Amino acid sequence: MDTDLHIQLDRSAKLSLTEQIRLSISRAIESGVIAPGTRLPSWQSLAAHLGVARGTVQTAYERLSDAQLIESFGAGGTRVAVRPHVAAVQPEKTPPGSFMKAYLEMTTKPGIFQLGIPALEKGLPQQLFARARSSNLLKAGSFSTLVYPDPRGEFELRREIAGYLSISRNLQCFPEQVFITSGFASGLGLVLRVLGLEGEKAWMEEPGFRFTRKGLELARLRVVPVPVDAEGLNVDYAIEHCPDAALAVVTPGQQAPLGATMPLRRRLQLLDWAATSGAWIIEDDYLSELQLEGRPAPALASLDEGQRVIHIGSFSKTISPGLRLGFVVAPPELTTPLSEVAATLAPAPSPVVQLATARFMRDGHYIRRVHRLKRLYSAQSNTLCEQLRMRDAQWMKAGLAVLLKLPDGVPDTQIVREAISCGMAPSPFSSWFGTPSWTLQGLLLGIATSPEQYVATACSQLFEIIDQYR
């Protein structure tokens, strides 16, 4: 009887006899040793054969029945349930050139020249966050595990963000207008779901952030590329070629990736278009006040009398992308629908992280950190630019990056692949374009991840790779 089941009991094991019997029969069924429909011995007979109490086997059978592996037919006995065999299917590997392949390459471990993350030696301030986190958890009434947290985000953090924006970005808003998200992508998804613009046209900067373009496409919007010049998105071009767009996504503070700041005249033109046509504007304030030259321009939303601008920011560049923490500042008329979507589909991230960040800001650590980063990045920018001058390279500053122009015919994507193997992670300029006929070659060298002591060596290695293609 047990030759088919192969039940071997170890009475000295920590695992109960009931569980040993259940596992043995379960494995025999799932491996095909016992075919569907096979009649099993009664629990009384199996108990006598194994020398255990009948209740031990009975409980094992009940657990197998709960798992729908066996069925009891009364006088017909207990049989193996007839179930379809579902084999595990190995997921396809990410194909080369796919969006996810590019995403994983961009978000891999930090490398010299990598975009999108803070300075390598200025990562997440662990000690400060540990103190903030523990003090919040120990503080009576600040956090409860017995209730669902506010899906819009913890009020303490929303209040700190509103206060910070009023000082640093000249954006006056109430905490009730602030929604906490898991970074920019989460904020974009939340906003697009609320706006419900499926099938409508959306202006998108060209070149522009590839992930934003993909997000718009997944939201079923028709992306209209708009060229960028020295003043950011070319509003005249956009109005002339696509006046009926329902949305514009812009980076007016420092255009991504070229770094241009949109001047007041063009900002007012963009706002007038939105107010007149009833369109929405998403302001991606990805660098916040991390501007190295001059004072950072106010947020576009600070000029928005028509309440058509949705401001999205994050802490990825100022603290760490590992936090997965961002925020949306919405016009008053969108607060209710945003609250409903946040409550049912996209709630805010962990309250523990939020409260720690709120304390970090309230104690003044955040502002001091931003000021230190600006001083550090300014020094690193000067060092990197000096290295490029020494090599007679063609380059231009682009916000928190330097755009290195490449000789004709030199493929930027291939150079990046080789650079990665040497511990460098520049961004291929061509990947920021959605229109093949407009695509240009080049390398975007991140300033934040270019420590002064390593820049000379990294530049030497990078130019050795480039020289192979001349």
Protein backbone atom coordinates (compact mmCIF):
# COMPACT_ATOMS: atom_id res chain seq x y z
CA MET A 1 0.00 0.00 0.00
CA ASP A 2 2.75 2.49 0.84
CA THR A 3 4.95 1.38 -2.04
CA ASP A 4 3.13 3.85 -4.31
CA LEU A 5 2.98 6.59 -1.71
CA HIS A 6 6.54 6.14 -0.44
CA ILE A 7 5.63 7.49 2.98
CA GLN A 8 8.58 7.47 5.32
CA LEU A 9 8.06 8.95 8.74
CA ASP A 10 10.80 10.46 10.88
CA ARG A 11 9.50 10.48 14.43
CA SER A 12 12.47 12.55 15.63
CA ALA A 13 11.87 15.38 13.13
CA LYS A 14 10.44 18.73 14.17
CA LEU A 15 7.86 18.43 11.40
CA SER A 16 4.67 16.83 12.73
CA LEU A 17 3.65 13.33 11.55
CA THR A 18 0.50 14.81 10.05
CA GLU A 19 2.51 17.24 7.95
CA GLN A 20 4.98 14.53 6.88
CA ILE A 21 2.08 12.39 5.62
CA ARG A 22 0.48 15.34 3.84
CA LEU A 23 3.74 16.31 2.12
CA SER A 24 4.46 12.74 1.00
CA ILE A 25 1.03 12.31 -0.62
CA SER A 26 1.10 15.84 -2.08
CA ARG A 27 4.47 15.24 -3.76
CA ALA A 28 3.32 11.90 -5.13
CA ILE A 29 0.25 13.55 -6.66
CA GLU A 30 2.03 16.58 -8.10
CA SER A 31 4.89 14.51 -9.53
CA GLY A 32 2.46 12.16 -11.28
CA VAL A 33 3.41 9.07 -9.30
CA ILE A 34 -0.24 8.78 -8.30
CA ALA A 35 -2.51 9.45 -11.27
CA PRO A 36 -5.72 11.49 -11.08
CA GLY A 37 -8.67 9.32 -10.08
CA THR A 38 -6.52 6.83 -8.16
CA ARG A 39 -8.22 5.57 -5.03
CA LEU A 40 -6.25 6.15 -1.84
CA PRO A 41 -6.34 3.87 1.17
CA SER A 42 -8.82 4.85 3.86
CA TRP A 43 -7.33 6.90 6.62
CA GLN A 44 -8.02 4.05 9.05
CA SER A 45 -6.07 1.57 6.89
CA LEU A 46 -3.19 3.98 6.27
CA ALA A 47 -2.98 4.80 9.99
CA ALA A 48 -2.74 1.11 10.87
CA HIS A 49 -0.10 0.56 8.19
CA LEU A 50 2.05 3.49 9.34
CA GLY A 51 1.54 2.83 13.00
CA VAL A 52 0.08 6.23 13.83
CA ALA A 53 -3.16 7.44 15.32
CA ARG A 54 -6.14 7.52 12.94
CA GLY A 55 -6.68 11.19 13.73
CA THR A 56 -3.17 11.96 12.44
CA VAL A 57 -3.98 10.57 8.98
CA GLN A 58 -7.48 12.00 9.02
CA THR A 59 -6.10 15.50 9.58
CA ALA A 60 -3.59 15.02 6.75
CA TYR A 61 -6.41 13.96 4.40
CA GLU A 62 -8.48 16.97 5.41
CA ARG A 63 -5.62 19.30 4.57
CA LEU A 64 -5.15 17.61 1.19
CA SER A 65 -8.88 17.98 0.55
CA ASP A 66 -8.70 21.68 1.48
CA ALA A 67 -5.92 22.05 -1.08
CA GLN A 68 -8.21 20.35 -3.68
CA LEU A 69 -5.69 17.56 -4.22
CA ILE A 70 -8.04 14.74 -3.17
CA GLU A 71 -11.81 14.21 -3.09
CA SER A 72 -13.96 12.05 -0.84
CA PHE A 73 -16.82 10.07 -2.45
CA GLY A 74 -18.27 8.41 0.63
CA ALA A 75 -18.62 4.69 -0.11
CA GLY A 76 -16.62 5.31 -3.27
CA GLY A 77 -13.57 6.11 -1.15
CA THR A 78 -11.04 8.90 -1.33
CA ARG A 79 -9.50 9.56 -4.72
CA VAL A 80 -6.90 11.85 -6.26
CA ALA A 81 -8.70 14.87 -7.71
CA VAL A 82 -8.80 15.20 -11.49
CA ARG A 83 -7.17 18.54 -12.29
CA PRO A 84 -5.62 20.04 -15.41
CA HIS A 85 -1.84 19.82 -15.42
CA VAL A 86 -0.43 23.31 -15.60
CA ALA A 87 3.27 23.28 -16.29
CA ALA A 88 5.39 26.17 -15.15
CA VAL A 89 6.25 28.35 -18.14
CA GLN A 90 9.62 30.05 -18.17
CA PRO A 91 9.11 33.77 -18.91
CA GLU A 92 10.74 35.02 -22.06
CA LYS A 93 14.02 36.80 -21.61
CA THR A 94 13.95 40.55 -22.08
CA PRO A 95 14.69 41.05 -25.79
CA PRO A 96 17.56 43.36 -26.78
CA GLY A 97 16.39 46.85 -27.67
CA SER A 98 13.18 46.58 -25.66
CA PHE A 99 11.94 49.24 -23.27
CA MET A 100 12.52 47.07 -20.19
CA LYS A 101 16.05 46.25 -21.37
CA ALA A 102 16.83 49.97 -21.54
CA TYR A 103 15.10 50.57 -18.21
CA LEU A 104 17.13 47.90 -16.41
CA GLU A 105 20.37 49.17 -17.96
CA MET A 106 19.61 52.72 -16.83
CA THR A 107 18.67 51.69 -13.29
CA THR A 108 21.49 49.21 -12.71
CA LYS A 109 24.11 49.71 -10.03
CA PRO A 110 25.62 53.20 -9.98
CA GLY A 111 28.44 53.98 -12.40
CA ILE A 112 30.54 57.01 -13.26
CA PHE A 113 28.57 59.54 -15.38
CA GLN A 114 25.21 57.91 -14.57
CA LEU A 115 22.15 60.16 -14.73
CA GLY A 116 19.21 60.23 -12.37
CA ILE A 117 20.83 59.55 -8.99
CA PRO A 118 22.54 61.73 -6.38
CA ALA A 119 26.29 61.84 -5.75
CA LEU A 120 27.79 58.39 -5.14
CA GLU A 121 29.28 59.45 -1.81
CA LYS A 122 26.14 61.36 -0.83
CA GLY A 123 23.69 58.49 -0.85
CA LEU A 124 20.79 57.95 1.50
CA PRO A 125 21.72 59.58 4.84
CA GLN A 126 21.29 56.38 6.85
CA GLN A 127 22.04 57.72 10.33
CA LEU A 128 19.77 60.71 10.03
CA PHE A 129 16.94 58.59 8.66
CA ALA A 130 17.46 55.97 11.35
CA ARG A 131 17.05 58.63 14.04
CA ALA A 132 14.06 60.17 12.32
CA ARG A 133 12.42 56.80 11.75
CA SER A 134 12.85 55.61 15.35
CA SER A 135 11.72 58.89 16.86
CA ASN A 136 8.54 58.85 14.79
CA LEU A 137 7.68 55.27 15.60
CA LEU A 138 8.26 55.79 19.31
CA LYS A 139 6.30 59.01 19.43
CA ALA A 140 2.83 58.29 20.78
CA GLY A 141 0.02 58.90 18.32
CA SER A 142 2.17 59.60 15.25
CA PHE A 143 1.74 56.19 13.66
CA SER A 144 -0.68 53.34 14.23
CA THR A 145 -0.56 49.87 12.69
CA LEU A 146 -4.19 49.31 13.67
CA VAL A 147 -5.75 51.55 11.01
CA TYR A 148 -5.34 52.03 7.29
CA PRO A 149 -3.09 55.02 6.54
CA ASP A 150 -4.33 57.99 4.56
CA PRO A 151 -4.07 56.93 0.87
CA ARG A 152 -3.22 60.52 -0.07
CA GLY A 153 -0.15 60.41 2.17
CA GLU A 154 0.72 61.30 5.74
CA PHE A 155 -0.41 64.82 6.57
CA GLU A 156 2.92 65.62 8.27
CA LEU A 157 4.84 65.06 5.02
CA ARG A 158 2.26 66.81 2.86
CA ARG A 159 2.51 69.83 5.14
CA GLU A 160 6.32 69.87 4.99
CA ILE A 161 6.30 69.61 1.19
CA ALA A 162 3.79 72.44 0.87
CA GLY A 163 5.96 74.63 3.08
CA TYR A 164 9.13 73.73 1.23
CA LEU A 165 7.59 74.44 -2.19
CA SER A 166 6.40 77.87 -1.09
CA ILE A 167 9.99 78.84 -0.20
CA SER A 168 12.06 77.03 -2.83
CA ARG A 169 9.73 77.00 -5.86
CA ASN A 170 7.47 79.99 -5.08
CA LEU A 171 4.54 77.57 -5.32
CA GLN A 172 1.79 78.42 -2.85
CA CYS A 173 -0.41 75.44 -2.08
CA PHE A 174 -2.25 73.75 0.77
CA PRO A 175 -1.32 70.30 2.17
CA GLU A 176 -4.72 69.08 0.90
CA GLN A 177 -3.46 69.65 -2.66
CA VAL A 178 -0.39 67.46 -2.12
CA PHE A 179 -0.51 63.72 -2.84
CA ILE A 180 2.36 61.41 -1.90
CA THR A 181 3.45 58.89 -4.52
CA SER A 182 6.11 56.26 -5.11
CA GLY A 183 8.22 58.58 -7.26
CA PHE A 184 7.63 60.42 -10.53
CA ALA A 185 6.38 57.40 -12.49
CA SER A 186 3.76 56.70 -9.84
CA GLY A 187 2.68 60.33 -9.85
CA LEU A 188 2.42 60.37 -13.64
CA GLY A 189 0.31 57.21 -13.59
CA LEU A 190 -1.98 58.63 -10.93
CA VAL A 191 -2.52 61.87 -12.86
CA LEU A 192 -3.07 60.22 -16.23
CA ARG A 193 -5.64 57.86 -14.73
CA VAL A 194 -7.58 60.81 -13.29
CA LEU A 195 -7.42 62.96 -16.43
CA GLY A 196 -8.79 60.15 -18.60
CA LEU A 197 -7.36 61.46 -21.87
CA GLU A 198 -7.25 58.16 -23.76
CA GLY A 199 -7.08 58.79 -27.51
CA GLU A 200 -6.20 62.47 -27.09
CA LYS A 201 -3.01 64.17 -28.28
CA ALA A 202 -0.18 65.08 -25.90
CA TRP A 203 2.76 67.40 -26.53
CA MET A 204 6.05 65.79 -25.58
CA GLU A 205 9.49 67.41 -25.61
CA GLU A 206 11.84 66.17 -28.32
CA PRO A 207 14.35 65.13 -27.09
CA GLY A 208 12.66 64.15 -23.84
CA PHE A 209 12.52 61.58 -21.08
CA ARG A 210 12.00 58.16 -22.62
CA PHE A 211 10.07 56.79 -19.65
CA THR A 212 7.58 59.64 -19.78
CA ARG A 213 6.99 59.00 -23.48
CA LYS A 214 6.39 55.33 -22.78
CA GLY A 215 4.00 56.20 -19.95
CA LEU A 216 1.93 58.42 -22.24
CA GLU A 217 1.78 55.68 -24.85
CA LEU A 218 0.66 53.09 -22.30
CA ALA A 219 -2.08 55.51 -21.20
CA ARG A 220 -3.30 55.42 -24.82
CA LEU A 221 -2.42 59.02 -25.61
CA ARG A 222 -1.17 60.03 -29.04
CA VAL A 223 2.27 61.52 -28.44
CA VAL A 224 3.09 64.59 -30.54
CA PRO A 225 6.85 65.36 -30.49
CA VAL A 226 7.65 69.05 -30.12
CA PRO A 227 11.21 70.26 -30.78
CA VAL A 228 13.24 71.84 -28.00
CA ASP A 229 15.37 74.93 -28.47
CA ALA A 230 17.43 77.14 -26.15
CA GLU A 231 14.22 78.13 -24.31
CA GLY A 232 12.78 74.68 -23.82
CA LEU A 233 9.67 73.33 -25.55
CA ASN A 234 8.90 75.37 -28.67
CA VAL A 235 5.35 76.51 -27.94
CA ASP A 236 4.96 78.32 -31.30
CA TYR A 237 5.77 75.09 -33.16
CA ALA A 238 3.39 73.09 -30.96
CA ILE A 239 0.45 75.47 -31.45
CA GLU A 240 1.04 75.65 -35.19
CA HIS A 241 1.29 71.89 -35.71
CA CYS A 242 -1.05 70.57 -33.02
CA PRO A 243 -3.28 73.23 -31.42
CA ASP A 244 -5.89 70.66 -30.34
CA ALA A 245 -3.68 68.72 -27.93
CA ALA A 246 -5.31 67.93 -24.58
CA LEU A 247 -2.07 67.69 -22.62
CA ALA A 248 1.49 69.01 -22.55
CA VAL A 249 4.25 67.40 -20.49
CA VAL A 250 7.14 69.78 -19.89
CA THR A 251 10.30 70.19 -17.81
CA PRO A 252 10.41 74.03 -17.64
CA GLY A 253 12.85 74.30 -14.72
CA GLN A 254 15.68 72.47 -16.51
CA GLN A 255 14.67 70.74 -19.72
CA ALA A 256 15.47 67.04 -19.70
CA PRO A 257 18.01 66.36 -21.03
CA LEU A 258 19.39 69.63 -22.47
CA GLY A 259 18.98 71.77 -19.35
CA ALA A 260 17.32 74.86 -20.85
CA THR A 261 15.17 76.95 -18.50
CA MET A 262 11.90 78.10 -20.04
CA PRO A 263 11.74 81.93 -19.88
CA LEU A 264 8.75 83.84 -18.53
CA ARG A 265 7.46 84.88 -21.96
CA ARG A 266 7.21 81.30 -23.17
CA ARG A 267 5.74 80.10 -19.85
CA LEU A 268 2.95 82.63 -20.11
CA GLN A 269 2.35 81.60 -23.73
CA LEU A 270 2.06 77.95 -22.66
CA LEU A 271 -0.32 78.80 -19.82
CA ASP A 272 -2.47 80.96 -22.09
CA TRP A 273 -2.78 78.08 -24.58
CA ALA A 274 -3.85 75.70 -21.82
CA ALA A 275 -6.41 78.13 -20.36
CA THR A 276 -7.86 78.97 -23.77
CA SER A 277 -8.08 75.40 -25.07
CA GLY A 278 -8.95 73.71 -21.78
CA ALA A 279 -5.82 71.55 -21.95
CA TRP A 280 -3.76 70.29 -19.02
CA ILE A 281 -0.06 70.78 -18.35
CA ILE A 282 2.05 68.31 -16.38
CA GLU A 283 5.12 70.01 -14.94
CA ASP A 284 7.92 67.51 -14.30
CA ASP A 285 10.07 69.30 -11.72
CA TYR A 286 12.59 66.46 -11.64
CA LEU A 287 15.56 68.53 -10.39
CA SER A 288 13.63 70.87 -8.09
CA GLU A 289 16.07 73.64 -7.06
CA LEU A 290 19.24 71.76 -8.06
CA GLN A 291 20.31 74.44 -10.52
CA LEU A 292 24.04 75.13 -10.60
CA GLU A 293 24.09 78.49 -12.37
CA GLY A 294 22.02 81.40 -11.10
CA ARG A 295 18.88 81.15 -9.03
CA PRO A 296 16.40 78.42 -9.93
CA ALA A 297 13.34 79.69 -11.75
CA PRO A 298 10.00 79.43 -9.91
CA ALA A 299 7.75 76.49 -10.65
CA LEU A 300 5.50 76.87 -13.68
CA ALA A 301 2.53 76.10 -11.41
CA SER A 302 3.31 79.25 -9.39
CA LEU A 303 2.13 81.34 -12.37
CA ASP A 304 -0.96 79.24 -13.06
CA GLU A 305 -3.98 81.48 -12.48
CA GLY A 306 -6.09 79.23 -14.68
CA GLN A 307 -5.38 76.17 -12.51
CA ARG A 308 -4.32 73.99 -15.48
CA VAL A 309 -0.88 72.88 -14.21
CA ILE A 310 -0.26 69.66 -12.31
CA HIS A 311 3.12 69.77 -10.58
CA ILE A 312 5.03 66.49 -10.07
CA GLY A 313 8.22 66.23 -8.02
CA SER A 314 10.25 63.57 -6.26
CA PHE A 315 13.09 63.02 -3.80
CA SER A 316 15.05 60.77 -6.18
CA LYS A 317 17.65 63.38 -7.13
CA THR A 318 17.85 65.16 -3.78
CA ILE A 319 17.82 62.21 -1.36
CA SER A 320 17.79 58.84 -3.11
CA PRO A 321 15.80 56.95 -5.79
CA GLY A 322 15.78 54.05 -3.34
CA LEU A 323 13.16 55.90 -1.29
CA ARG A 324 10.65 55.62 -4.13
CA LEU A 325 9.04 58.80 -2.84
CA GLY A 326 7.48 61.63 -4.79
CA PHE A 327 4.50 63.96 -4.78
CA VAL A 328 1.83 65.56 -6.93
CA VAL A 329 0.49 69.08 -6.38
CA ALA A 330 -2.92 69.31 -7.98
CA PRO A 331 -5.26 72.17 -8.83
CA PRO A 332 -8.22 72.32 -6.40
CA GLU A 333 -10.71 70.84 -8.88
CA LEU A 334 -8.65 67.63 -9.18
CA THR A 335 -8.19 66.95 -5.46
CA THR A 336 -11.39 64.91 -5.12
CA PRO A 337 -10.84 62.60 -8.15
CA LEU A 338 -7.18 62.20 -7.21
CA SER A 339 -8.22 61.25 -3.68
CA GLU A 340 -10.63 58.64 -5.01
CA VAL A 341 -8.06 57.05 -7.30
CA ALA A 342 -5.42 57.12 -4.57
CA ALA A 343 -7.82 55.40 -2.17
CA THR A 344 -8.84 52.63 -4.55
CA LEU A 345 -5.99 52.11 -7.02
CA ALA A 346 -2.80 53.94 -6.07
CA PRO A 347 -2.36 54.58 -2.33
CA ALA A 348 0.67 56.36 -0.95
CA PRO A 349 3.77 54.33 0.04
CA SER A 350 4.80 53.22 3.52
CA PRO A 351 3.87 55.69 6.30
CA VAL A 352 7.16 54.84 8.04
CA VAL A 353 9.20 56.25 5.15
CA GLN A 354 6.90 59.24 4.85
CA LEU A 355 7.10 60.15 8.52
CA ALA A 356 10.88 59.74 8.53
CA THR A 357 11.12 62.07 5.52
CA ALA A 358 8.81 64.59 7.17
CA ARG A 359 11.03 64.65 10.27
CA PHE A 360 14.11 64.90 8.04
CA MET A 361 12.63 68.01 6.42
CA ARG A 362 11.22 69.54 9.59
CA ASP A 363 14.60 69.38 11.36
CA GLY A 364 16.26 71.27 8.49
CA HIS A 365 18.37 68.34 7.23
CA TYR A 366 16.79 68.33 3.79
CA ILE A 367 17.53 71.97 2.93
CA ARG A 368 21.10 71.64 4.21
CA ARG A 369 21.56 68.51 2.11
CA VAL A 370 20.33 70.24 -1.06
CA HIS A 371 22.72 73.14 -0.49
CA ARG A 372 25.65 70.74 0.05
CA LEU A 373 24.77 68.87 -3.13
CA LYS A 374 24.72 72.10 -5.15
CA ARG A 375 28.21 73.04 -3.91
CA LEU A 376 29.51 69.55 -4.59
CA TYR A 377 27.97 69.36 -8.07
CA SER A 378 29.35 72.77 -9.00
CA ALA A 379 32.88 71.60 -8.16
CA GLN A 380 32.40 68.31 -9.99
CA SER A 381 31.01 70.12 -13.04
CA ASN A 382 34.08 72.36 -13.22
CA THR A 383 36.44 69.38 -12.97
CA LEU A 384 34.61 67.42 -15.66
CA CYS A 385 34.46 70.40 -18.03
CA GLU A 386 38.19 71.02 -17.55
CA GLN A 387 38.94 67.43 -18.51
CA LEU A 388 36.87 67.82 -21.68
CA ARG A 389 38.64 71.09 -22.56
CA MET A 390 42.01 69.37 -22.23
CA ARG A 391 40.88 66.86 -24.85
CA ASP A 392 39.52 69.49 -27.29
CA ALA A 393 36.14 67.81 -27.14
CA GLN A 394 32.89 69.36 -28.34
CA TRP A 395 30.48 69.60 -25.46
CA MET A 396 27.82 71.74 -23.79
CA LYS A 397 26.43 71.97 -20.26
CA ALA A 398 23.00 70.40 -19.88
CA GLY A 399 21.65 70.91 -16.38
CA LEU A 400 23.18 68.25 -14.14
CA ALA A 401 24.86 66.69 -17.15
CA VAL A 402 27.30 67.51 -19.91
CA LEU A 403 26.38 66.61 -23.48
CA LEU A 404 29.47 65.28 -25.26
CA LYS A 405 29.16 65.45 -29.03
CA LEU A 406 30.54 62.52 -30.99
CA PRO A 407 32.29 62.43 -34.37
CA ASP A 408 30.07 61.65 -37.36
CA GLY A 409 29.25 57.97 -37.64
CA VAL A 410 30.18 57.10 -34.06
CA PRO A 411 27.32 55.06 -32.49
CA ASP A 412 26.54 56.30 -28.98
CA THR A 413 24.69 53.13 -27.93
CA GLN A 414 27.68 50.93 -28.75
CA ILE A 415 30.04 53.21 -26.84
CA VAL A 416 27.73 53.07 -23.81
CA ARG A 417 27.73 49.25 -23.86
CA GLU A 418 31.52 49.20 -23.79
CA ALA A 419 31.68 51.94 -21.16
CA ILE A 420 29.44 49.94 -18.83
CA SER A 421 31.97 47.12 -18.78
CA CYS A 422 34.52 49.67 -17.48
CA GLY A 423 32.33 50.90 -14.62
CA MET A 424 30.93 53.92 -16.46
CA ALA A 425 27.28 54.56 -17.27
CA PRO A 426 26.81 57.55 -19.61
CA SER A 427 23.43 57.90 -21.31
CA PRO A 428 23.18 57.67 -25.12
CA PHE A 429 21.72 60.92 -26.37
CA SER A 430 19.94 59.11 -29.20
CA SER A 431 17.72 57.23 -26.71
CA TRP A 432 16.08 60.52 -25.69
CA PHE A 433 14.51 60.94 -29.15
CA GLY A 434 11.23 59.42 -30.27
CA THR A 435 11.48 60.58 -33.89
CA PRO A 436 14.18 58.74 -35.89
CA SER A 437 14.64 61.59 -38.39
CA TRP A 438 15.40 64.03 -35.56
CA THR A 439 17.75 61.73 -33.66
CA LEU A 440 21.27 62.94 -32.84
CA GLN A 441 24.26 61.03 -31.46
CA GLY A 442 26.07 61.98 -28.28
CA LEU A 443 26.79 61.04 -24.70
CA LEU A 444 25.17 62.57 -21.65
CA LEU A 445 27.66 62.55 -18.78
CA GLY A 446 26.04 62.87 -15.37
CA ILE A 447 27.72 65.39 -13.08
CA ALA A 448 26.33 64.05 -9.80
CA THR A 449 28.06 60.68 -10.28
CA SER A 450 31.40 62.09 -11.42
CA PRO A 451 33.61 62.31 -8.29
CA GLU A 452 36.52 64.67 -8.84
CA GLN A 453 39.14 62.06 -7.91
CA TYR A 454 37.89 59.63 -10.59
CA VAL A 455 36.98 61.94 -13.46
CA ALA A 456 40.40 62.09 -15.14
CA THR A 457 40.73 58.31 -15.27
CA ALA A 458 37.14 57.85 -16.40
CA CYS A 459 37.54 60.42 -19.19
CA SER A 460 40.71 58.71 -20.40
CA GLN A 461 38.93 55.37 -20.58
CA LEU A 462 35.89 56.88 -22.29
CA PHE A 463 37.92 58.64 -24.98
CA GLU A 464 39.92 55.47 -25.62
CA ILE A 465 36.63 53.75 -26.43
CA ILE A 466 35.50 56.65 -28.65
CA ASP A 467 38.81 56.72 -30.51
CA GLN A 468 38.29 53.13 -31.62
CA TYR A 469 35.37 54.29 -33.78
CA ARG A 470 37.00 57.30 -35.41
